[in-house]
Full PDB file with SEQRES, HELIX, SHEET, SSBOND, CRYST1, ORIGX, SCALE, CONECT and MASTER records, all heavy atoms in Angstrom:
SEQRES   1 A   29  LEU GLU SER ARG HIS ALA ASP TRP SER GLY ALA GLU PHE          
SEQRES   2 A   29  THR ALA ASP SER ARG SER HIS VAL SER VAL TYR ARG LEU          
SEQRES   3 A   29  PRO ALA GLN                                                  
SHEET    1 AA1 2 SER A   3  HIS A   5  0                                        
SHEET    2 AA1 2 VAL A  21  VAL A  23 -1                                        
CRYST1    1.000    1.000    1.000  90.00  90.00  90.00 P 1           1          
ORIGX1      1.000000  0.000000  0.000000        0.00000                         
ORIGX2      0.000000  1.000000  0.000000        0.00000                         
ORIGX3      0.000000  0.000000  1.000000        0.00000                         
SCALE1      1.000000  0.000000  0.000000        0.00000                         
SCALE2      0.000000  1.000000  0.000000        0.00000                         
SCALE3      0.000000  0.000000  1.000000        0.00000                         
ATOM      1  N   LEU A   1     102.586 115.497 102.492  1.00  0.00           N  
ATOM      2  CA  LEU A   1     101.638 114.487 102.022  1.00  0.00           C  
ATOM      3  C   LEU A   1     101.415 114.648 100.527  1.00  0.00           C  
ATOM      4  O   LEU A   1     101.021 115.713 100.058  1.00  0.00           O  
ATOM      5  CB  LEU A   1     100.309 114.622 102.767  1.00  0.00           C  
ATOM      6  CG  LEU A   1      99.199 113.647 102.363  1.00  0.00           C  
ATOM      7  CD1 LEU A   1      99.574 112.218 102.734  1.00  0.00           C  
ATOM      8  CD2 LEU A   1      97.876 114.035 103.015  1.00  0.00           C  
ATOM      9  N   GLU A   2     101.669 113.577  99.780  1.00  0.00           N  
ATOM     10  CA  GLU A   2     101.459 113.597  98.333  1.00  0.00           C  
ATOM     11  C   GLU A   2     100.080 113.050  97.970  1.00  0.00           C  
ATOM     12  O   GLU A   2      99.404 113.592  97.098  1.00  0.00           O  
ATOM     13  CB  GLU A   2     102.543 112.782  97.636  1.00  0.00           C  
ATOM     14  CG  GLU A   2     102.439 112.807  96.124  1.00  0.00           C  
ATOM     15  CD  GLU A   2     103.599 112.085  95.454  1.00  0.00           C  
ATOM     16  OE1 GLU A   2     103.647 110.838  95.546  1.00  0.00           O  
ATOM     17  OE2 GLU A   2     104.439 112.761  94.845  1.00  0.00           O  
ATOM     18  N   SER A   3      99.659 111.972  98.635  1.00  0.00           N  
ATOM     19  CA  SER A   3      98.342 111.396  98.342  1.00  0.00           C  
ATOM     20  C   SER A   3      97.892 110.527  99.504  1.00  0.00           C  
ATOM     21  O   SER A   3      98.710 110.047 100.293  1.00  0.00           O  
ATOM     22  CB  SER A   3      98.377 110.558  97.055  1.00  0.00           C  
ATOM     23  OG  SER A   3      99.195 109.404  97.217  1.00  0.00           O  
ATOM     24  N   ARG A   4      96.580 110.342  99.605  1.00  0.00           N  
ATOM     25  CA  ARG A   4      96.021 109.415 100.586  1.00  0.00           C  
ATOM     26  C   ARG A   4      94.791 108.755  99.976  1.00  0.00           C  
ATOM     27  O   ARG A   4      93.893 109.443  99.482  1.00  0.00           O  
ATOM     28  CB  ARG A   4      95.642 110.136 101.882  1.00  0.00           C  
ATOM     29  CG  ARG A   4      94.861 109.256 102.882  1.00  0.00           C  
ATOM     30  CD  ARG A   4      94.737 109.917 104.254  1.00  0.00           C  
ATOM     31  NE  ARG A   4      96.015 109.964 104.922  1.00  0.00           N  
ATOM     32  CZ  ARG A   4      96.488 111.026 105.569  1.00  0.00           C  
ATOM     33  NH1 ARG A   4      95.776 112.141 105.623  1.00  0.00           N  
ATOM     34  NH2 ARG A   4      97.674 110.978 106.161  1.00  0.00           N  
ATOM     35  N   HIS A   5      94.775 107.430  99.989  1.00  0.00           N  
ATOM     36  CA  HIS A   5      93.641 106.667  99.480  1.00  0.00           C  
ATOM     37  C   HIS A   5      93.206 105.638 100.513  1.00  0.00           C  
ATOM     38  O   HIS A   5      93.942 105.351 101.473  1.00  0.00           O  
ATOM     39  CB  HIS A   5      94.000 105.981  98.160  1.00  0.00           C  
ATOM     40  CG  HIS A   5      94.285 106.926  97.044  1.00  0.00           C  
ATOM     41  ND1 HIS A   5      95.573 107.290  96.696  1.00  0.00           N  
ATOM     42  CD2 HIS A   5      93.462 107.600  96.211  1.00  0.00           C  
ATOM     43  CE1 HIS A   5      95.525 108.155  95.678  1.00  0.00           C  
ATOM     44  NE2 HIS A   5      94.253 108.354  95.371  1.00  0.00           N  
ATOM     45  N   ALA A   6      92.036 105.081 100.297  1.00  0.00           N  
ATOM     46  CA  ALA A   6      91.490 104.112 101.240  1.00  0.00           C  
ATOM     47  C   ALA A   6      92.122 102.737 101.090  1.00  0.00           C  
ATOM     48  O   ALA A   6      92.017 101.909 102.006  1.00  0.00           O  
ATOM     49  CB  ALA A   6      89.976 104.009 101.077  1.00  0.00           C  
ATOM     50  N   ASP A   7      92.764 102.480  99.959  1.00  0.00           N  
ATOM     51  CA  ASP A   7      93.409 101.183  99.740  1.00  0.00           C  
ATOM     52  C   ASP A   7      94.483 101.330  98.672  1.00  0.00           C  
ATOM     53  O   ASP A   7      94.710 102.415  98.139  1.00  0.00           O  
ATOM     54  CB  ASP A   7      92.385 100.101  99.358  1.00  0.00           C  
ATOM     55  CG  ASP A   7      91.587 100.441  98.102  1.00  0.00           C  
ATOM     56  OD1 ASP A   7      92.092 101.204  97.242  1.00  0.00           O  
ATOM     57  OD2 ASP A   7      90.451  99.953  97.975  1.00  0.00           O  
ATOM     58  N   TRP A   8      95.129 100.209  98.354  1.00  0.00           N  
ATOM     59  CA  TRP A   8      96.229 100.234  97.386  1.00  0.00           C  
ATOM     60  C   TRP A   8      95.737 100.456  95.958  1.00  0.00           C  
ATOM     61  O   TRP A   8      96.518 100.849  95.086  1.00  0.00           O  
ATOM     62  CB  TRP A   8      97.011  98.933  97.459  1.00  0.00           C  
ATOM     63  CG  TRP A   8      97.798  98.785  98.716  1.00  0.00           C  
ATOM     64  CD1 TRP A   8      97.487  98.021  99.802  1.00  0.00           C  
ATOM     65  CD2 TRP A   8      99.041  99.415  99.028  1.00  0.00           C  
ATOM     66  NE1 TRP A   8      98.451  98.143 100.783  1.00  0.00           N  
ATOM     67  CE2 TRP A   8      99.421  98.990 100.331  1.00  0.00           C  
ATOM     68  CE3 TRP A   8      99.884 100.298  98.347  1.00  0.00           C  
ATOM     69  CZ2 TRP A   8     100.603  99.413 100.952  1.00  0.00           C  
ATOM     70  CZ3 TRP A   8     101.057 100.715  98.952  1.00  0.00           C  
ATOM     71  CH2 TRP A   8     101.402 100.283 100.239  1.00  0.00           C  
ATOM     72  N   SER A   9      94.452 100.212  95.715  1.00  0.00           N  
ATOM     73  CA  SER A   9      93.918 100.383  94.363  1.00  0.00           C  
ATOM     74  C   SER A   9      93.518 101.824  94.060  1.00  0.00           C  
ATOM     75  O   SER A   9      93.116 102.123  92.940  1.00  0.00           O  
ATOM     76  CB  SER A   9      92.701  99.458  94.160  1.00  0.00           C  
ATOM     77  OG  SER A   9      93.086  98.100  94.286  1.00  0.00           O  
ATOM     78  N   GLY A  10      93.593 102.691  95.074  1.00  0.00           N  
ATOM     79  CA  GLY A  10      93.307 104.112  94.838  1.00  0.00           C  
ATOM     80  C   GLY A  10      91.897 104.533  95.146  1.00  0.00           C  
ATOM     81  O   GLY A  10      91.467 105.606  94.696  1.00  0.00           O  
ATOM     82  N   ALA A  11      91.147 103.757  95.931  1.00  0.00           N  
ATOM     83  CA  ALA A  11      89.792 104.154  96.311  1.00  0.00           C  
ATOM     84  C   ALA A  11      89.836 105.426  97.149  1.00  0.00           C  
ATOM     85  O   ALA A  11      90.792 105.680  97.890  1.00  0.00           O  
ATOM     86  CB  ALA A  11      89.109 103.032  97.098  1.00  0.00           C  
ATOM     87  N   GLU A  12      88.788 106.228  97.038  1.00  0.00           N  
ATOM     88  CA  GLU A  12      88.739 107.501  97.765  1.00  0.00           C  
ATOM     89  C   GLU A  12      88.747 107.274  99.269  1.00  0.00           C  
ATOM     90  O   GLU A  12      88.042 106.410  99.796  1.00  0.00           O  
ATOM     91  CB  GLU A  12      87.478 108.271  97.371  1.00  0.00           C  
ATOM     92  CG  GLU A  12      87.351 109.618  98.065  1.00  0.00           C  
ATOM     93  CD  GLU A  12      86.053 110.335  97.734  1.00  0.00           C  
ATOM     94  OE1 GLU A  12      85.227 109.749  97.009  1.00  0.00           O  
ATOM     95  OE2 GLU A  12      85.865 111.474  98.214  1.00  0.00           O  
ATOM     96  N   PHE A  13      89.541 108.070  99.973  1.00  0.00           N  
ATOM     97  CA  PHE A  13      89.561 108.038 101.429  1.00  0.00           C  
ATOM     98  C   PHE A  13      88.459 108.935 101.952  1.00  0.00           C  
ATOM     99  O   PHE A  13      88.364 110.111 101.583  1.00  0.00           O  
ATOM    100  CB  PHE A  13      90.917 108.510 101.945  1.00  0.00           C  
ATOM    101  CG  PHE A  13      91.017 108.508 103.450  1.00  0.00           C  
ATOM    102  CD1 PHE A  13      91.148 107.311 104.143  1.00  0.00           C  
ATOM    103  CD2 PHE A  13      90.970 109.696 104.163  1.00  0.00           C  
ATOM    104  CE1 PHE A  13      91.243 107.300 105.528  1.00  0.00           C  
ATOM    105  CE2 PHE A  13      91.070 109.702 105.551  1.00  0.00           C  
ATOM    106  CZ  PHE A  13      91.197 108.499 106.233  1.00  0.00           C  
ATOM    107  N   THR A  14      87.589 108.380 102.804  1.00  0.00           N  
ATOM    108  CA  THR A  14      86.453 109.124 103.338  1.00  0.00           C  
ATOM    109  C   THR A  14      86.413 108.981 104.856  1.00  0.00           C  
ATOM    110  O   THR A  14      87.218 108.260 105.459  1.00  0.00           O  
ATOM    111  CB  THR A  14      85.124 108.599 102.762  1.00  0.00           C  
ATOM    112  OG1 THR A  14      84.848 107.294 103.311  1.00  0.00           O  
ATOM    113  CG2 THR A  14      85.193 108.503 101.240  1.00  0.00           C  
ATOM    114  N   ALA A  15      85.453 109.638 105.475  1.00  0.00           N  
ATOM    115  CA  ALA A  15      85.284 109.550 106.927  1.00  0.00           C  
ATOM    116  C   ALA A  15      84.935 108.144 107.374  1.00  0.00           C  
ATOM    117  O   ALA A  15      85.107 107.805 108.553  1.00  0.00           O  
ATOM    118  CB  ALA A  15      84.209 110.530 107.394  1.00  0.00           C  
ATOM    119  N   ASP A  16      84.444 107.320 106.466  1.00  0.00           N  
ATOM    120  CA  ASP A  16      84.061 105.951 106.812  1.00  0.00           C  
ATOM    121  C   ASP A  16      85.136 104.921 106.473  1.00  0.00           C  
ATOM    122  O   ASP A  16      84.944 103.727 106.720  1.00  0.00           O  
ATOM    123  CB  ASP A  16      82.761 105.573 106.099  1.00  0.00           C  
ATOM    124  CG  ASP A  16      81.577 106.404 106.575  1.00  0.00           C  
ATOM    125  OD1 ASP A  16      81.500 106.664 107.800  1.00  0.00           O  
ATOM    126  OD2 ASP A  16      80.757 106.813 105.731  1.00  0.00           O  
ATOM    127  N   SER A  17      86.247 105.347 105.915  1.00  0.00           N  
ATOM    128  CA  SER A  17      87.308 104.407 105.552  1.00  0.00           C  
ATOM    129  C   SER A  17      87.924 103.801 106.806  1.00  0.00           C  
ATOM    130  O   SER A  17      88.181 104.493 107.790  1.00  0.00           O  
ATOM    131  CB  SER A  17      88.400 105.117 104.739  1.00  0.00           C  
ATOM    132  OG  SER A  17      87.889 105.628 103.525  1.00  0.00           O  
ATOM    133  N   ARG A  18      88.180 102.508 106.751  1.00  0.00           N  
ATOM    134  CA  ARG A  18      88.750 101.807 107.903  1.00  0.00           C  
ATOM    135  C   ARG A  18      90.266 101.794 107.883  1.00  0.00           C  
ATOM    136  O   ARG A  18      90.901 101.428 108.880  1.00  0.00           O  
ATOM    137  CB  ARG A  18      88.207 100.377 107.959  1.00  0.00           C  
ATOM    138  CG  ARG A  18      86.707 100.289 108.197  1.00  0.00           C  
ATOM    139  CD  ARG A  18      86.247  98.866 108.313  1.00  0.00           C  
ATOM    140  NE  ARG A  18      86.908  98.178 109.423  1.00  0.00           N  
ATOM    141  CZ  ARG A  18      86.826  96.864 109.639  1.00  0.00           C  
ATOM    142  NH1 ARG A  18      86.126  96.103 108.807  1.00  0.00           N  
ATOM    143  NH2 ARG A  18      87.457  96.319 110.665  1.00  0.00           N  
ATOM    144  N   SER A  19      90.864 102.154 106.763  1.00  0.00           N  
ATOM    145  CA  SER A  19      92.322 102.195 106.668  1.00  0.00           C  
ATOM    146  C   SER A  19      92.709 103.174 105.562  1.00  0.00           C  
ATOM    147  O   SER A  19      91.849 103.688 104.834  1.00  0.00           O  
ATOM    148  CB  SER A  19      92.898 100.806 106.380  1.00  0.00           C  
ATOM    149  OG  SER A  19      92.444 100.339 105.115  1.00  0.00           O  
ATOM    150  N   HIS A  20      93.998 103.418 105.449  1.00  0.00           N  
ATOM    151  CA  HIS A  20      94.457 104.322 104.393  1.00  0.00           C  
ATOM    152  C   HIS A  20      95.868 103.948 103.970  1.00  0.00           C  
ATOM    153  O   HIS A  20      96.624 103.329 104.722  1.00  0.00           O  
ATOM    154  CB  HIS A  20      94.409 105.782 104.857  1.00  0.00           C  
ATOM    155  CG  HIS A  20      95.224 106.085 106.074  1.00  0.00           C  
ATOM    156  ND1 HIS A  20      96.514 106.570 106.016  1.00  0.00           N  
ATOM    157  CD2 HIS A  20      94.933 105.982 107.401  1.00  0.00           C  
ATOM    158  CE1 HIS A  20      96.979 106.760 107.233  1.00  0.00           C  
ATOM    159  NE2 HIS A  20      96.052 106.402 108.101  1.00  0.00           N  
ATOM    160  N   VAL A  21      96.190 104.332 102.752  1.00  0.00           N  
ATOM    161  CA  VAL A  21      97.545 104.255 102.219  1.00  0.00           C  
ATOM    162  C   VAL A  21      97.975 105.689 101.957  1.00  0.00           C  
ATOM    163  O   VAL A  21      97.423 106.371 101.086  1.00  0.00           O  
ATOM    164  CB  VAL A  21      97.601 103.422 100.928  1.00  0.00           C  
ATOM    165  CG1 VAL A  21      99.002 103.459 100.330  1.00  0.00           C  
ATOM    166  CG2 VAL A  21      97.176 101.978 101.197  1.00  0.00           C  
ATOM    167  N   SER A  22      98.941 106.159 102.741  1.00  0.00           N  
ATOM    168  CA  SER A  22      99.389 107.542 102.655  1.00  0.00           C  
ATOM    169  C   SER A  22     100.795 107.592 102.072  1.00  0.00           C  
ATOM    170  O   SER A  22     101.681 106.857 102.510  1.00  0.00           O  
ATOM    171  CB  SER A  22      99.378 108.197 104.036  1.00  0.00           C  
ATOM    172  OG  SER A  22      98.048 108.259 104.542  1.00  0.00           O  
ATOM    173  N   VAL A  23     100.986 108.469 101.093  1.00  0.00           N  
ATOM    174  CA  VAL A  23     102.271 108.624 100.421  1.00  0.00           C  
ATOM    175  C   VAL A  23     102.835 109.991 100.795  1.00  0.00           C  
ATOM    176  O   VAL A  23     102.218 111.030 100.532  1.00  0.00           O  
ATOM    177  CB  VAL A  23     102.129 108.511  98.888  1.00  0.00           C  
ATOM    178  CG1 VAL A  23     103.484 108.689  98.211  1.00  0.00           C  
ATOM    179  CG2 VAL A  23     101.495 107.182  98.507  1.00  0.00           C  
ATOM    180  N   TYR A  24     104.017 109.985 101.407  1.00  0.00           N  
ATOM    181  CA  TYR A  24     104.711 111.216 101.787  1.00  0.00           C  
ATOM    182  C   TYR A  24     105.965 111.366 100.915  1.00  0.00           C  
ATOM    183  O   TYR A  24     106.588 110.375 100.548  1.00  0.00           O  
ATOM    184  CB  TYR A  24     105.095 111.194 103.254  1.00  0.00           C  
ATOM    185  CG  TYR A  24     103.908 111.095 104.184  1.00  0.00           C  
ATOM    186  CD1 TYR A  24     103.512 109.886 104.716  1.00  0.00           C  
ATOM    187  CD2 TYR A  24     103.166 112.228 104.514  1.00  0.00           C  
ATOM    188  CE1 TYR A  24     102.412 109.790 105.553  1.00  0.00           C  
ATOM    189  CE2 TYR A  24     102.052 112.161 105.347  1.00  0.00           C  
ATOM    190  CZ  TYR A  24     101.689 110.933 105.874  1.00  0.00           C  
ATOM    191  OH  TYR A  24     100.600 110.835 106.703  1.00  0.00           O  
ATOM    192  N   ARG A  25     106.302 112.608 100.631  1.00  0.00           N  
ATOM    193  CA  ARG A  25     107.440 112.819  99.728  1.00  0.00           C  
ATOM    194  C   ARG A  25     108.359 113.901 100.263  1.00  0.00           C  
ATOM    195  O   ARG A  25     107.904 114.928 100.806  1.00  0.00           O  
ATOM    196  CB  ARG A  25     106.946 113.199  98.345  1.00  0.00           C  
ATOM    197  CG  ARG A  25     108.012 113.125  97.259  1.00  0.00           C  
ATOM    198  CD  ARG A  25     107.426 113.143  95.873  1.00  0.00           C  
ATOM    199  NE  ARG A  25     108.431 112.782  94.880  1.00  0.00           N  
ATOM    200  CZ  ARG A  25     108.175 112.669  93.581  1.00  0.00           C  
ATOM    201  NH1 ARG A  25     106.946 112.848  93.116  1.00  0.00           N  
ATOM    202  NH2 ARG A  25     109.142 112.340  92.736  1.00  0.00           N  
ATOM    203  N   LEU A  26     109.665 113.673 100.122  1.00  0.00           N  
ATOM    204  CA  LEU A  26     110.652 114.687 100.446  1.00  0.00           C  
ATOM    205  C   LEU A  26     110.759 115.696  99.315  1.00  0.00           C  
ATOM    206  O   LEU A  26     110.477 115.363  98.155  1.00  0.00           O  
ATOM    207  CB  LEU A  26     112.020 114.045 100.649  1.00  0.00           C  
ATOM    208  CG  LEU A  26     112.229 113.180 101.897  1.00  0.00           C  
ATOM    209  CD1 LEU A  26     113.632 112.583 101.879  1.00  0.00           C  
ATOM    210  CD2 LEU A  26     112.011 113.987 103.172  1.00  0.00           C  
ATOM    211  N   PRO A  27     111.183 116.918  99.612  1.00  0.00           N  
ATOM    212  CA  PRO A  27     111.386 117.885  98.537  1.00  0.00           C  
ATOM    213  C   PRO A  27     112.477 117.411  97.572  1.00  0.00           C  
ATOM    214  O   PRO A  27     113.439 116.774  97.978  1.00  0.00           O  
ATOM    215  CB  PRO A  27     111.835 119.161  99.261  1.00  0.00           C  
ATOM    216  CG  PRO A  27     111.428 118.964 100.684  1.00  0.00           C  
ATOM    217  CD  PRO A  27     111.463 117.493 100.940  1.00  0.00           C  
ATOM    218  N   ALA A  28     112.299 117.728  96.325  1.00  0.00           N  
ATOM    219  CA  ALA A  28     113.343 117.439  95.333  1.00  0.00           C  
ATOM    220  C   ALA A  28     114.455 118.460  95.472  1.00  0.00           C  
ATOM    221  O   ALA A  28     114.257 119.567  95.994  1.00  0.00           O  
ATOM    222  CB  ALA A  28     112.760 117.459  93.926  1.00  0.00           C  
ATOM    223  N   GLN A  29     115.626 118.142  95.004  1.00  0.00           N  
ATOM    224  CA  GLN A  29     116.734 119.081  95.032  1.00  0.00           C  
ATOM    225  C   GLN A  29     116.414 120.308  94.183  1.00  0.00           C  
ATOM    226  O   GLN A  29     115.797 120.217  93.134  1.00  0.00           O  
ATOM    227  CB  GLN A  29     118.015 118.420  94.513  1.00  0.00           C  
ATOM    228  CG  GLN A  29     118.671 117.510  95.527  1.00  0.00           C  
ATOM    229  CD  GLN A  29     119.954 116.907  94.991  1.00  0.00           C  
ATOM    230  OE1 GLN A  29     120.097 116.704  93.796  1.00  0.00           O  
ATOM    231  NE2 GLN A  29     120.878 116.593  95.891  1.00  0.00           N  
TER     232      GLN A  29                                                      
MASTER        0    0    0    0    2    0    0    6  231    1    0    3          
END                                                                             
């Protein structure tokens, strides 16, 4: 997991967030 926000604009993800945008990343070479 690289990052998780409550929306595409980068709002903080909290216990009350109804959705999330999660960014996952593979290891670099």
